[in-house]
Amino acid sequence: LLKPFEPVVLRSKVQVFVELWAKTERLRRQDQQMLLAEQQARQRELLELRQVSDERYRSLAEAMPHSVWMADADGRIEYFNEQWRTYTGMTRTETEELGWEHAVHPVDRDRFLDLWRRALQQGEPFELEFRLRTADRSWRWQLGRIVPVRGAGGGAAVAPWIGSCTDIHD
């Protein structure tokens, strides 16, 4: 500031700087709001795509004539298709409370569970023939296949596990 100064000129210069700062702040807030709105729109879009993908998977699994299931990365079963319930006669509640392994023949159960634990530890698929109890309480031979689904880019991390049981008795 040059001295002596005129109060009117000083007030007017300060007012210009205050207005400039206020406009800059408004623009910054608008940019932040736009970025936030774009991020929310992307998140909604991703959620919708995930829901469509999940629905396609479930439709595919329900259309199969095989028992199909999905487990999380730690091996906890998250989904059985309707064919599983029809074939084994186990309701969703029974499957969740008793555990799916109760449908596996007692002689085959330990071998099955050992392979399943090993697959979980190593992240490797496996295939096994075993007997499964049907809704009429008979035992029928199955070919069980369990495959890990890898994360994005085919990395080492297992996302879910997908399993299927195919009746090979006849």
Protein backbone atom coordinates (compact mmCIF):
# COMPACT_ATOMS: atom_id res chain seq x y z
CA LEU A 1 0.00 0.00 0.00
CA LEU A 2 1.17 3.41 -0.80
CA LYS A 3 0.94 5.97 1.92
CA PRO A 4 -0.92 8.18 2.30
CA PHE A 5 -3.85 6.18 0.92
CA GLU A 6 -7.36 7.05 0.13
CA PRO A 7 -9.91 5.13 2.26
CA VAL A 8 -12.34 4.89 -0.68
CA VAL A 9 -9.66 3.43 -2.97
CA LEU A 10 -8.47 1.02 -0.25
CA ARG A 11 -12.02 -0.14 0.45
CA SER A 12 -12.66 -0.70 -3.22
CA LYS A 13 -9.43 -2.70 -3.70
CA VAL A 14 -10.16 -4.87 -0.64
CA GLN A 15 -13.73 -5.43 -1.89
CA VAL A 16 -12.41 -6.63 -5.27
CA PHE A 17 -10.06 -9.13 -3.57
CA VAL A 18 -12.82 -10.37 -1.23
CA GLU A 19 -15.21 -10.85 -4.17
CA LEU A 20 -12.51 -12.67 -6.13
CA TRP A 21 -11.82 -14.98 -3.17
CA ALA A 22 -15.58 -15.63 -2.68
CA LYS A 23 -16.04 -16.50 -6.39
CA THR A 24 -13.03 -18.83 -6.26
CA GLU A 25 -14.47 -20.58 -3.20
CA ARG A 26 -17.88 -20.99 -4.88
CA LEU A 27 -16.24 -22.51 -7.95
CA ARG A 28 -14.16 -24.85 -5.77
CA ARG A 29 -17.28 -26.01 -3.89
CA GLN A 30 -19.15 -26.51 -7.16
CA ASP A 31 -16.27 -28.61 -8.51
CA GLN A 32 -16.29 -30.73 -5.35
CA GLN A 33 -20.06 -31.20 -5.58
CA MET A 34 -19.77 -32.19 -9.25
CA LEU A 35 -16.99 -34.68 -8.45
CA LEU A 36 -19.03 -36.14 -5.60
CA ALA A 37 -22.11 -36.43 -7.84
CA GLU A 38 -20.01 -38.15 -10.55
CA GLN A 39 -18.56 -40.60 -8.00
CA GLN A 40 -22.03 -41.40 -6.67
CA ALA A 41 -23.32 -41.92 -10.21
CA ARG A 42 -20.41 -44.30 -10.95
CA GLN A 43 -21.03 -46.20 -7.73
CA ARG A 44 -24.73 -46.57 -8.57
CA GLU A 45 -23.82 -47.76 -12.06
CA LEU A 46 -21.33 -50.31 -10.68
CA LEU A 47 -23.92 -51.54 -8.17
CA GLU A 48 -26.49 -51.95 -10.95
CA LEU A 49 -23.98 -53.83 -13.12
CA ARG A 50 -23.10 -56.10 -10.20
CA GLN A 51 -26.78 -56.80 -9.55
CA VAL A 52 -27.36 -57.62 -13.24
CA SER A 53 -24.31 -59.89 -13.22
CA ASP A 54 -25.47 -61.64 -10.02
CA GLU A 55 -28.94 -62.11 -11.48
CA ARG A 56 -27.49 -63.61 -14.68
CA TYR A 57 -25.37 -66.03 -12.64
CA ARG A 58 -28.34 -67.08 -10.53
CA SER A 59 -30.50 -67.55 -13.62
CA LEU A 60 -27.79 -69.67 -15.22
CA ALA A 61 -27.34 -71.71 -12.04
CA GLU A 62 -31.09 -72.25 -11.69
CA ALA A 63 -31.41 -73.34 -15.34
CA MET A 64 -28.79 -76.08 -14.94
CA PRO A 65 -29.90 -79.67 -14.36
CA HIS A 66 -27.02 -80.05 -11.88
CA SER A 67 -26.65 -79.01 -8.28
CA VAL A 68 -24.67 -75.79 -8.30
CA TRP A 69 -23.40 -73.81 -5.34
CA MET A 70 -21.14 -70.91 -4.49
CA ALA A 71 -18.87 -70.40 -1.47
CA ASP A 72 -16.95 -67.34 -0.34
CA ALA A 73 -13.13 -67.21 -0.32
CA ASP A 74 -13.09 -68.89 3.11
CA GLY A 75 -15.31 -71.78 2.01
CA ARG A 76 -18.60 -70.68 3.61
CA ILE A 77 -21.48 -71.66 1.35
CA GLU A 78 -23.44 -68.62 0.21
CA TYR A 79 -25.75 -70.11 -2.40
CA PHE A 80 -27.32 -73.40 -3.51
CA ASN A 81 -29.50 -73.59 -6.58
CA GLU A 82 -33.02 -75.04 -6.44
CA GLN A 83 -31.78 -78.28 -8.06
CA TRP A 84 -29.72 -78.95 -4.90
CA ARG A 85 -32.79 -78.62 -2.70
CA THR A 86 -34.92 -80.73 -5.03
CA TYR A 87 -32.27 -83.43 -5.43
CA THR A 88 -31.25 -83.75 -1.77
CA GLY A 89 -34.63 -82.89 -0.26
CA MET A 90 -32.85 -80.51 2.11
CA THR A 91 -34.49 -77.15 2.62
CA ARG A 92 -32.45 -73.98 2.72
CA THR A 93 -32.76 -73.92 6.52
CA GLU A 94 -31.66 -77.57 6.85
CA THR A 95 -28.72 -76.95 4.55
CA GLU A 96 -27.67 -73.90 6.57
CA GLU A 97 -28.25 -75.46 10.02
CA LEU A 98 -27.05 -79.03 9.45
CA GLY A 99 -24.51 -78.22 6.78
CA TRP A 100 -24.35 -79.47 3.21
CA GLU A 101 -21.81 -82.12 4.22
CA HIS A 102 -24.60 -84.12 5.90
CA ALA A 103 -25.87 -84.96 2.42
CA VAL A 104 -22.53 -86.62 1.60
CA HIS A 105 -22.26 -90.33 2.41
CA PRO A 106 -20.49 -90.86 5.77
CA VAL A 107 -17.85 -93.10 4.14
CA ASP A 108 -17.02 -90.39 1.57
CA ARG A 109 -17.41 -87.35 3.85
CA ASP A 110 -13.93 -87.22 5.42
CA ARG A 111 -12.18 -87.62 2.07
CA PHE A 112 -14.41 -84.93 0.56
CA LEU A 113 -13.82 -82.50 3.45
CA ASP A 114 -10.05 -83.13 3.38
CA LEU A 115 -9.89 -82.31 -0.33
CA TRP A 116 -12.09 -79.25 0.19
CA ARG A 117 -9.83 -77.94 3.00
CA ARG A 118 -6.73 -78.56 0.89
CA ALA A 119 -8.32 -76.76 -2.07
CA LEU A 120 -9.14 -73.79 0.16
CA GLN A 121 -5.54 -73.61 1.42
CA GLN A 122 -3.93 -74.01 -1.99
CA GLY A 123 -6.53 -72.16 -4.05
CA GLU A 124 -6.67 -75.05 -6.50
CA PRO A 125 -9.70 -76.74 -8.10
CA PHE A 126 -10.54 -80.36 -7.44
CA GLU A 127 -12.79 -83.11 -8.69
CA LEU A 128 -14.13 -86.08 -6.74
CA GLU A 129 -16.58 -88.92 -7.13
CA PHE A 130 -18.70 -89.42 -4.01
CA ARG A 131 -22.16 -90.51 -2.93
CA LEU A 132 -24.89 -88.00 -2.19
CA ARG A 133 -28.16 -88.65 -0.38
CA THR A 134 -31.23 -87.94 -2.52
CA ALA A 135 -34.66 -86.72 -1.48
CA ASP A 136 -35.92 -90.35 -1.34
CA ARG A 137 -33.01 -91.18 1.05
CA SER A 138 -31.12 -93.33 -1.44
CA TRP A 139 -27.43 -92.77 -2.20
CA ARG A 140 -26.31 -91.92 -5.72
CA TRP A 141 -22.84 -91.39 -7.13
CA GLN A 142 -21.92 -87.82 -8.07
CA LEU A 143 -19.06 -86.15 -9.82
CA GLY A 144 -18.25 -83.07 -7.76
CA ARG A 145 -16.20 -80.26 -9.22
CA ILE A 146 -15.06 -77.21 -7.30
CA VAL A 147 -13.32 -74.31 -9.02
CA PRO A 148 -11.93 -71.08 -7.55
CA VAL A 149 -12.88 -67.86 -9.27
CA ARG A 150 -9.88 -65.55 -9.36
CA GLY A 151 -10.04 -61.84 -8.69
CA ALA A 152 -9.59 -59.15 -11.31
CA GLY A 153 -6.68 -59.75 -13.65
CA GLY A 154 -6.45 -63.43 -12.75
CA GLY A 155 -4.50 -62.70 -9.57
CA ALA A 156 -3.82 -65.18 -6.82
CA ALA A 157 -6.76 -64.08 -4.66
CA VAL A 158 -9.82 -66.29 -4.83
CA ALA A 159 -13.09 -64.38 -5.00
CA PRO A 160 -15.81 -67.03 -4.72
CA TRP A 161 -15.67 -70.78 -5.28
CA ILE A 162 -18.12 -72.40 -7.69
CA GLY A 163 -19.07 -76.03 -7.23
CA SER A 164 -21.29 -78.49 -9.03
CA CYS A 165 -22.54 -82.02 -8.48
CA THR A 166 -23.47 -84.16 -11.47
CA ASP A 167 -25.34 -87.43 -11.01
CA ILE A 168 -23.18 -90.16 -12.61
CA HIS A 169 -24.82 -93.11 -10.85
CA ASP A 170 -26.32 -94.72 -13.95
